[in-house]
Structure formats: structure tokens, C-alpha cells
Amino acid sequence: MKNTLLILALAVTLFSCKKSEIKTETKDATKTETKIVETIQDTVVIIKAINPVANQDSISIDKATQTLYAHFKSKGFLTQDEIEKKPGIRWLPKNKGKKVIEFSELFLFNSQLGVITYWNAEPGAIGHCVQPHLALISNTASGLAISNEEFLSPNFAIDSLKMEDNKPIIYSRDYNCYTKEFLKKYKVQLK
């Protein structure tokens, strides 16, 4: 009787379980790739003529900063060190209307010519979409000189500089601060 019950239980178990077969479906998958092709806008900016003197010392960050401050001081601007400050107070009413210059970066074409970027604002001015201004710096017969202020709009972010066929070229991007996007890449030749 035990054997019969065991055989019956085994038969019920075997026949009641369904075997699951693996079903495979074949679908034709087409993969679409989107490739973004970035183009570079080739443009020319006409600037006031500059003739760097090759026998001068190389442009350094310290010399460029001193030249920048002296250039704008002659126009009535102040440096950050020259404005009146109080600890914990960002803006003082007596500084209203004054313009302050602060060095940002130096980009060199070669040891005699470069682009200097600088902040130009009232003391204590804040804003997340303020970009540095640009000017050219070069060695002249009388030393370093700043020229061609604002030759490019401040919304141009410089990627690199180089000389091509003895002409200064700036690779830059037009930056939209509000959307935090780079709109277009530029190759800017200075003439």
C-alpha cells in the first residue's frame, strides 16, 4: 500500500507540473545613432594695429597684472586693494560709482603678444552671469602695453590661442550664461 501511494504521489507530481519552454522572439532591432557635428565659425576681427617688439622680455603674469592696473589707473579706475572695505560688509555706499579692475587670466600667442582677461565692475558687484572683459597685451618699444579693450564681447570664453601663418588666432566659444550653454565655437583671426 505504501508503494502504491508513493507511485501515485510521484505520478501526480510528474504530470501536474508543466514544463516551461523558453520562448524566444526575434525582432529586427535597428540602432539609430545621432552624431552631433560641431562646426567652427571662422571670423575675422579688425583691431587697432599692434607691432610687438621681439627683443623685450617675455610677458609674465606679474608684469601683465602690473601693466593692466597701471593702464586702467590712468583712466581713473581702482584695484581691489584700493577700495575701502569693512569686514562682513560687501558694499559700502562711499564706493558707489567707482570702477574697479581685477586681473583674471593671461593667454599668450607667443612670448610677446597675448590676451589678458579682467573683471571691470563696481566694488562689491555680484552676479553669476558676469564674464571677464578682454584686451590685448603686447611688448612695445616702451614696454608692455594694453590695447584693443573689448575687441571681443565678454561672453566669448577663450579655449586657446596660436599663431597660424604669423597671424594671431583665437579659438573661443560663445557662452550663454543664462542657459549655461556654449552656443557656437569660433576661430577668430585678428587683423
Protein backbone atom coordinates (compact mmCIF):
# COMPACT_ATOMS: atom_id res chain seq x y z
CA MET A 1 0.00 0.00 0.00
CA LYS A 2 2.84 2.31 0.76
CA ASN A 3 4.33 1.59 -2.63
CA THR A 4 1.06 2.33 -4.36
CA LEU A 5 0.66 5.63 -2.58
CA LEU A 6 4.22 6.54 -3.35
CA ILE A 7 3.80 5.73 -7.05
CA LEU A 8 0.52 7.63 -7.16
CA ALA A 9 2.08 10.72 -5.50
CA LEU A 10 5.01 10.54 -7.87
CA ALA A 11 2.73 10.26 -10.93
CA VAL A 12 0.59 13.20 -9.79
CA THR A 13 3.67 15.28 -9.22
CA LEU A 14 5.18 14.49 -12.61
CA PHE A 15 2.03 15.07 -14.64
CA SER A 16 0.78 18.11 -12.76
CA CYS A 17 3.95 20.19 -13.27
CA LYS A 18 4.14 22.00 -16.60
CA LYS A 19 7.41 22.27 -18.29
CA SER A 20 8.15 25.84 -19.17
CA GLU A 21 9.68 26.22 -22.55
CA ILE A 22 11.87 29.18 -23.28
CA LYS A 23 10.15 31.31 -25.82
CA THR A 24 12.33 33.43 -27.97
CA GLU A 25 11.13 36.22 -30.15
CA THR A 26 13.35 37.64 -32.78
CA LYS A 27 12.93 41.26 -33.54
CA ASP A 28 14.86 43.22 -36.06
CA ALA A 29 16.46 45.92 -33.98
CA THR A 30 17.64 48.94 -35.86
CA LYS A 31 20.01 51.17 -33.99
CA THR A 32 19.92 54.82 -34.84
CA GLU A 33 22.92 56.86 -33.86
CA THR A 34 22.76 60.58 -33.60
CA LYS A 35 26.04 62.30 -34.20
CA ILE A 36 26.39 65.95 -33.38
CA VAL A 37 28.76 67.63 -35.75
CA GLU A 38 30.18 70.79 -34.28
CA THR A 39 31.18 73.44 -36.71
CA ILE A 40 33.56 76.26 -36.08
CA GLN A 41 32.54 79.71 -37.24
CA ASP A 42 35.52 81.26 -38.99
CA THR A 43 35.60 85.01 -38.44
CA VAL A 44 37.96 87.98 -38.63
CA VAL A 45 38.14 90.80 -36.09
CA ILE A 46 39.76 94.03 -37.24
CA ILE A 47 41.83 95.51 -34.40
CA LYS A 48 43.99 98.56 -33.89
CA ALA A 49 47.40 97.72 -35.31
CA ILE A 50 49.89 96.30 -32.85
CA ASN A 51 53.50 95.58 -33.57
CA PRO A 52 55.06 93.56 -30.76
CA VAL A 53 58.78 94.08 -30.26
CA ALA A 54 60.60 90.77 -30.19
CA ASN A 55 63.69 91.85 -28.25
CA GLN A 56 61.79 92.56 -25.00
CA ASP A 57 61.41 90.18 -22.06
CA SER A 58 58.63 87.59 -22.21
CA ILE A 59 55.21 88.55 -20.87
CA SER A 60 54.68 87.13 -17.38
CA ILE A 61 51.55 87.09 -15.22
CA ASP A 62 53.12 89.53 -12.73
CA LYS A 63 54.18 92.00 -15.43
CA ALA A 64 50.80 91.67 -17.18
CA THR A 65 48.92 92.35 -13.92
CA GLN A 66 51.04 95.44 -13.16
CA THR A 67 50.57 96.73 -16.73
CA LEU A 68 46.79 96.15 -16.56
CA TYR A 69 46.48 98.05 -13.28
CA ALA A 70 48.68 100.95 -14.48
CA HIS A 71 46.72 101.20 -17.74
CA PHE A 72 43.35 101.48 -16.01
CA LYS A 73 44.65 103.60 -13.13
CA SER A 74 45.50 106.27 -15.73
CA LYS A 75 41.78 106.21 -16.65
CA GLY A 76 40.63 106.67 -13.03
CA PHE A 77 39.97 103.02 -12.13
CA LEU A 78 40.92 101.44 -8.81
CA THR A 79 42.19 97.99 -7.88
CA GLN A 80 40.54 95.76 -5.26
CA ASP A 81 43.27 96.77 -2.78
CA GLU A 82 42.43 100.46 -3.15
CA ILE A 83 38.75 100.40 -2.26
CA GLU A 84 37.54 100.93 1.28
CA LYS A 85 36.33 97.75 2.93
CA LYS A 86 34.85 96.75 6.25
CA PRO A 87 34.82 93.16 7.48
CA GLY A 88 31.46 91.48 6.85
CA ILE A 89 30.16 94.34 4.66
CA ARG A 90 30.28 93.65 0.96
CA TRP A 91 29.18 97.02 -0.34
CA LEU A 92 29.89 100.45 1.12
CA PRO A 93 27.89 103.47 -0.09
CA LYS A 94 31.08 105.56 -0.46
CA ASN A 95 32.31 103.10 -3.14
CA LYS A 96 29.22 103.61 -5.30
CA GLY A 97 30.07 104.68 -8.82
CA LYS A 98 33.75 103.77 -8.55
CA LYS A 99 35.11 101.30 -11.06
CA VAL A 100 37.42 98.51 -10.01
CA ILE A 101 39.71 96.41 -12.18
CA GLU A 102 40.89 92.95 -11.19
CA PHE A 103 43.18 90.65 -13.18
CA SER A 104 41.64 87.33 -14.24
CA GLU A 105 43.80 85.36 -16.72
CA LEU A 106 46.58 85.68 -19.26
CA PHE A 107 46.57 83.79 -22.59
CA LEU A 108 49.66 84.05 -24.79
CA PHE A 109 50.01 83.78 -28.58
CA ASN A 110 53.77 83.88 -28.07
CA SER A 111 56.16 85.48 -25.58
CA GLN A 112 55.44 88.98 -26.96
CA LEU A 113 51.66 89.04 -27.57
CA GLY A 114 48.64 87.80 -25.65
CA VAL A 115 45.09 88.33 -24.43
CA ILE A 116 44.50 89.49 -20.88
CA THR A 117 41.14 88.99 -19.20
CA TYR A 118 39.99 91.17 -16.32
CA TRP A 119 36.96 91.99 -14.19
CA ASN A 120 35.57 95.51 -14.59
CA ALA A 121 32.78 96.37 -12.14
CA GLU A 122 31.75 98.46 -9.15
CA PRO A 123 33.15 97.34 -5.81
CA GLY A 124 31.02 94.58 -4.32
CA ALA A 125 29.20 93.90 -7.57
CA ILE A 126 27.92 90.38 -7.75
CA GLY A 127 26.21 88.30 -10.35
CA HIS A 128 26.53 84.84 -11.73
CA CYS A 129 26.43 85.93 -15.37
CA VAL A 130 29.23 88.48 -15.23
CA GLN A 131 32.09 87.42 -17.51
CA PRO A 132 35.61 88.88 -17.66
CA HIS A 133 36.48 91.54 -20.24
CA LEU A 134 39.24 91.02 -22.82
CA ALA A 135 42.10 93.18 -24.11
CA LEU A 136 45.33 92.58 -25.96
CA ILE A 137 48.69 92.89 -24.23
CA SER A 138 51.93 93.21 -26.14
CA ASN A 139 55.56 94.18 -25.80
CA THR A 140 56.26 97.55 -27.37
CA ALA A 141 59.40 99.66 -27.65
CA SER A 142 58.39 101.34 -24.36
CA GLY A 143 57.45 98.11 -22.53
CA LEU A 144 54.21 96.21 -22.06
CA ALA A 145 51.03 97.89 -23.29
CA ILE A 146 47.30 97.18 -23.14
CA SER A 147 45.35 97.82 -26.36
CA ASN A 148 42.13 96.91 -28.10
CA GLU A 149 39.97 96.80 -24.99
CA GLU A 150 36.72 94.95 -25.61
CA PHE A 151 37.85 93.64 -29.02
CA LEU A 152 35.62 90.63 -28.28
CA SER A 153 32.44 90.55 -26.26
CA PRO A 154 32.84 89.26 -22.67
CA ASN A 155 30.57 86.30 -23.45
CA PHE A 156 33.40 84.74 -25.51
CA ALA A 157 35.22 82.10 -23.49
CA ILE A 158 38.77 81.54 -24.73
CA ASP A 159 39.78 77.95 -25.39
CA SER A 160 43.23 78.52 -26.88
CA LEU A 161 45.43 80.88 -28.85
CA LYS A 162 48.01 80.19 -31.50
CA MET A 163 49.85 81.76 -34.38
CA GLU A 164 48.98 80.49 -37.89
CA ASP A 165 50.95 81.89 -40.81
CA ASN A 166 52.22 84.62 -38.47
CA LYS A 167 48.63 85.71 -37.69
CA PRO A 168 47.11 85.55 -34.21
CA ILE A 169 44.19 83.09 -33.97
CA ILE A 170 41.82 82.72 -31.01
CA TYR A 171 39.72 79.60 -30.59
CA SER A 172 36.75 80.50 -28.44
CA ARG A 173 33.13 79.70 -27.64
CA ASP A 174 30.14 81.98 -27.39
CA TYR A 175 28.75 81.31 -23.93
CA ASN A 176 25.13 81.94 -22.91
CA CYS A 177 25.34 82.32 -19.15
CA TYR A 178 21.60 82.21 -18.53
CA THR A 179 21.15 78.81 -20.13
CA LYS A 180 24.69 77.69 -19.24
CA GLU A 181 25.28 76.59 -22.82
CA PHE A 182 28.02 77.14 -25.32
CA LEU A 183 26.23 78.37 -28.42
CA LYS A 184 28.89 78.18 -31.08
CA LYS A 185 32.63 77.65 -31.48
CA TYR A 186 34.68 80.35 -33.17
CA LYS A 187 38.03 80.64 -34.84
CA VAL A 188 38.84 84.34 -34.60
CA GLN A 189 41.65 85.77 -36.67
CA LEU A 190 42.98 89.16 -35.58
CA LYS A 191 43.86 91.54 -38.39
